[in-house]
Amino acid sequence: MWRTVHTCIAEHVAGGLDPSCKRDAECVSMGITAKQRATFALRGTSSLAPEKVLEIIEGASGVAKGGGKSLLTTGFTNLGAQVNIHRRTATQLGLSLTSGKKLVELGTLSAEATAGLEGRTKVRIGGLDTYKTQQSKFLFIIPVGPKQIYGMDLYKRFLKAVSDELLAADPSAKLDMAQAQ
């Protein structure tokens, strides 16, 4: 079962809360556990050919960069984080989120564009197949708050960039950013 994340997700992804939004807590927290948050994905249909959809996804991978916490727990942000393509078939892309100059892999995901019914292309990007987490602790033992997924903000910006570019190329596209419940 999928839950649609409402339209103010764009403001949250861009880095802030929408003051007019009455559901900010729902948008920000999404799932309770890291495993639930990792199911966040972009799904939908488009009238574009599957090859064109994959080209758009490839283009968006170069747009979404930077952000996230450092792996060294220094508190500095990771400005070099990026989305990389490391596998391509006729209908799928294998993507990874990496830190810096591809030194550390933060997570992996896949994107798929297949011909569907009535000439529409089915699009699926994400959830995260693999990911790394960190959890703040009090006195190095007691967990304080939920686990954070490294690269999650980069991942959300990537999905937003793909969504924007697909909608620009095909205004009739029906896209849904959601997570499994």
Protein backbone atom coordinates (compact mmCIF):
# COMPACT_ATOMS: atom_id res chain seq x y z
CA MET A 1 0.00 0.00 0.00
CA TRP A 2 1.36 3.43 -0.94
CA ARG A 3 0.71 6.76 0.73
CA THR A 4 0.95 9.87 -1.40
CA VAL A 5 3.17 12.57 0.02
CA HIS A 6 1.36 15.84 -0.50
CA THR A 7 2.57 18.69 -2.68
CA CYS A 8 4.52 20.61 -0.04
CA ILE A 9 7.22 17.90 -0.28
CA ALA A 10 8.95 20.24 -2.75
CA GLU A 11 9.46 22.83 -0.01
CA HIS A 12 10.70 20.17 2.42
CA VAL A 13 13.14 18.77 -0.15
CA ALA A 14 14.36 22.29 -0.92
CA GLY A 15 15.40 22.59 2.68
CA GLY A 16 12.65 24.18 4.66
CA LEU A 17 9.22 23.72 6.12
CA ASP A 18 6.25 25.37 4.49
CA PRO A 19 4.71 27.66 7.13
CA SER A 20 1.25 27.24 5.59
CA CYS A 21 1.47 23.45 5.74
CA LYS A 22 -0.57 21.87 8.52
CA ARG A 23 1.08 18.47 8.02
CA ASP A 24 4.80 19.33 8.37
CA ALA A 25 5.38 16.62 10.97
CA GLU A 26 3.96 14.02 8.60
CA CYS A 27 6.15 15.22 5.72
CA VAL A 28 9.35 15.43 7.68
CA SER A 29 9.09 12.26 9.69
CA MET A 30 7.50 10.11 6.97
CA GLY A 31 8.32 6.62 8.28
CA ILE A 32 9.27 5.84 11.84
CA THR A 33 12.19 3.55 11.07
CA ALA A 34 15.04 3.93 8.60
CA LYS A 35 13.76 0.82 6.83
CA GLN A 36 10.36 2.47 6.28
CA ARG A 37 11.93 5.76 5.12
CA ALA A 38 14.11 3.84 2.64
CA THR A 39 10.96 2.72 0.77
CA PHE A 40 10.34 6.32 -0.40
CA ALA A 41 10.11 6.15 -4.21
CA LEU A 42 8.85 7.88 -7.35
CA ARG A 43 6.30 5.91 -9.36
CA GLY A 44 3.98 6.79 -12.17
CA THR A 45 3.29 6.79 -15.89
CA SER A 46 4.35 8.91 -18.82
CA SER A 47 3.52 9.15 -22.52
CA LEU A 48 7.25 9.36 -23.33
CA ALA A 49 9.11 6.33 -24.68
CA PRO A 50 11.01 4.27 -22.07
CA GLU A 51 14.36 5.25 -23.65
CA LYS A 52 13.51 8.96 -23.31
CA VAL A 53 12.46 8.48 -19.67
CA LEU A 54 15.80 6.78 -18.90
CA GLU A 55 17.64 9.67 -20.62
CA ILE A 56 15.79 12.14 -18.38
CA ILE A 57 16.72 10.11 -15.29
CA GLU A 58 20.37 10.06 -16.43
CA GLY A 59 20.28 13.83 -16.90
CA ALA A 60 18.82 14.37 -13.44
CA SER A 61 21.62 12.33 -11.89
CA GLY A 62 24.03 15.12 -12.86
CA VAL A 63 21.79 17.83 -11.37
CA ALA A 64 21.37 16.54 -7.81
CA LYS A 65 24.63 17.01 -5.90
CA GLY A 66 25.93 17.81 -2.44
CA GLY A 67 24.33 17.94 0.94
CA GLY A 68 24.07 15.48 3.76
CA LYS A 69 26.21 14.84 6.81
CA SER A 70 29.85 13.93 6.74
CA LEU A 71 30.74 10.30 7.34
CA LEU A 72 33.44 11.41 9.75
CA THR A 73 30.82 12.69 12.24
CA THR A 74 32.50 16.08 12.18
CA GLY A 75 29.26 17.86 11.49
CA PHE A 76 30.56 19.29 8.20
CA THR A 77 28.23 18.79 5.28
CA ASN A 78 29.24 16.54 2.44
CA LEU A 79 29.33 18.96 -0.51
CA GLY A 80 30.54 16.38 -3.02
CA ALA A 81 27.77 13.78 -2.66
CA GLN A 82 26.39 12.74 -6.01
CA VAL A 83 24.20 10.26 -7.89
CA ASN A 84 26.13 7.92 -10.20
CA ILE A 85 25.01 5.53 -12.90
CA HIS A 86 26.88 2.24 -12.85
CA ARG A 87 24.64 -0.09 -14.86
CA ARG A 88 22.27 0.40 -17.78
CA THR A 89 20.03 -2.00 -19.67
CA ALA A 90 17.26 -1.26 -22.17
CA THR A 91 14.72 -0.69 -19.38
CA GLN A 92 16.73 -0.22 -16.17
CA LEU A 93 19.39 1.93 -14.56
CA GLY A 94 21.49 0.93 -11.56
CA LEU A 95 22.26 4.04 -9.50
CA SER A 96 24.37 4.74 -6.45
CA LEU A 97 24.62 7.64 -4.01
CA THR A 98 28.26 8.32 -3.23
CA SER A 99 30.18 10.64 -0.97
CA GLY A 100 32.92 12.93 -2.19
CA LYS A 101 34.89 11.60 -5.12
CA LYS A 102 33.11 8.23 -5.08
CA LEU A 103 35.08 7.24 -1.98
CA VAL A 104 32.17 5.91 0.05
CA GLU A 105 28.93 4.46 -1.27
CA LEU A 106 26.01 5.85 0.75
CA GLY A 107 23.31 3.77 -0.91
CA THR A 108 22.05 2.11 -4.06
CA LEU A 109 18.78 2.19 -5.95
CA SER A 110 17.37 1.26 -9.32
CA ALA A 111 15.22 3.01 -11.89
CA GLU A 112 12.96 1.27 -14.35
CA ALA A 113 10.97 2.48 -17.37
CA THR A 114 8.87 -0.14 -19.16
CA ALA A 115 6.19 0.01 -21.84
CA GLY A 116 2.78 -0.29 -20.24
CA LEU A 117 -0.84 -0.34 -21.28
CA GLU A 118 -2.33 2.11 -23.76
CA GLY A 119 1.07 3.38 -24.94
CA ARG A 120 2.06 4.74 -21.53
CA THR A 121 5.44 4.07 -19.95
CA LYS A 122 5.56 2.83 -16.35
CA VAL A 123 8.20 4.65 -14.30
CA ARG A 124 9.70 3.47 -11.00
CA ILE A 125 12.67 5.06 -9.25
CA GLY A 126 13.76 3.81 -5.81
CA GLY A 127 13.35 2.95 -2.86
CA LEU A 128 16.80 2.51 -1.55
CA ASP A 129 18.11 -1.04 -2.02
CA THR A 130 21.08 -0.51 0.32
CA TYR A 131 21.85 2.40 2.65
CA LYS A 132 24.02 3.42 5.61
CA THR A 133 22.64 4.86 8.83
CA GLN A 134 23.82 6.76 11.88
CA GLN A 135 22.09 7.23 15.20
CA SER A 136 22.86 9.88 17.79
CA LYS A 137 23.62 8.47 21.22
CA PHE A 138 23.79 9.85 24.74
CA LEU A 139 26.90 8.72 26.64
CA PHE A 140 27.81 6.61 23.57
CA ILE A 141 25.18 4.02 24.55
CA ILE A 142 21.62 5.37 24.78
CA PRO A 143 19.95 6.04 21.39
CA VAL A 144 18.55 9.57 21.13
CA GLY A 145 16.14 9.80 18.22
CA PRO A 146 15.70 7.87 15.00
CA LYS A 147 18.49 6.61 12.77
CA GLN A 148 19.49 8.98 9.99
CA ILE A 149 20.04 7.64 6.47
CA TYR A 150 23.19 9.03 4.87
CA GLY A 151 22.40 10.64 1.53
CA MET A 152 18.62 10.78 2.09
CA ASP A 153 18.39 14.50 1.32
CA LEU A 154 20.42 13.96 -1.88
CA TYR A 155 18.11 11.08 -2.78
CA LYS A 156 14.99 13.24 -2.26
CA ARG A 157 16.49 16.09 -4.32
CA PHE A 158 17.27 13.57 -7.08
CA LEU A 159 13.67 12.30 -7.10
CA LYS A 160 12.40 15.89 -7.17
CA ALA A 161 14.73 16.74 -10.10
CA VAL A 162 13.53 13.67 -12.04
CA SER A 163 9.92 14.56 -11.30
CA ASP A 164 10.40 18.17 -12.45
CA GLU A 165 12.18 17.15 -15.66
CA LEU A 166 9.62 14.45 -16.51
CA LEU A 167 6.74 16.86 -15.97
CA ALA A 168 8.48 19.50 -18.11
CA ALA A 169 8.98 17.00 -20.94
CA ASP A 170 5.53 15.41 -20.54
CA PRO A 171 2.85 17.52 -18.81
CA SER A 172 0.46 14.53 -18.97
CA ALA A 173 2.78 12.42 -16.76
CA LYS A 174 1.21 11.12 -13.58
CA LEU A 175 3.86 10.84 -10.88
CA ASP A 176 3.62 9.97 -7.20
CA MET A 177 6.32 10.32 -4.55
CA ALA A 178 5.37 7.93 -1.78
CA GLN A 179 6.59 5.35 0.68
CA ALA A 180 5.25 1.90 1.45
CA GLN A 181 3.25 1.60 4.66
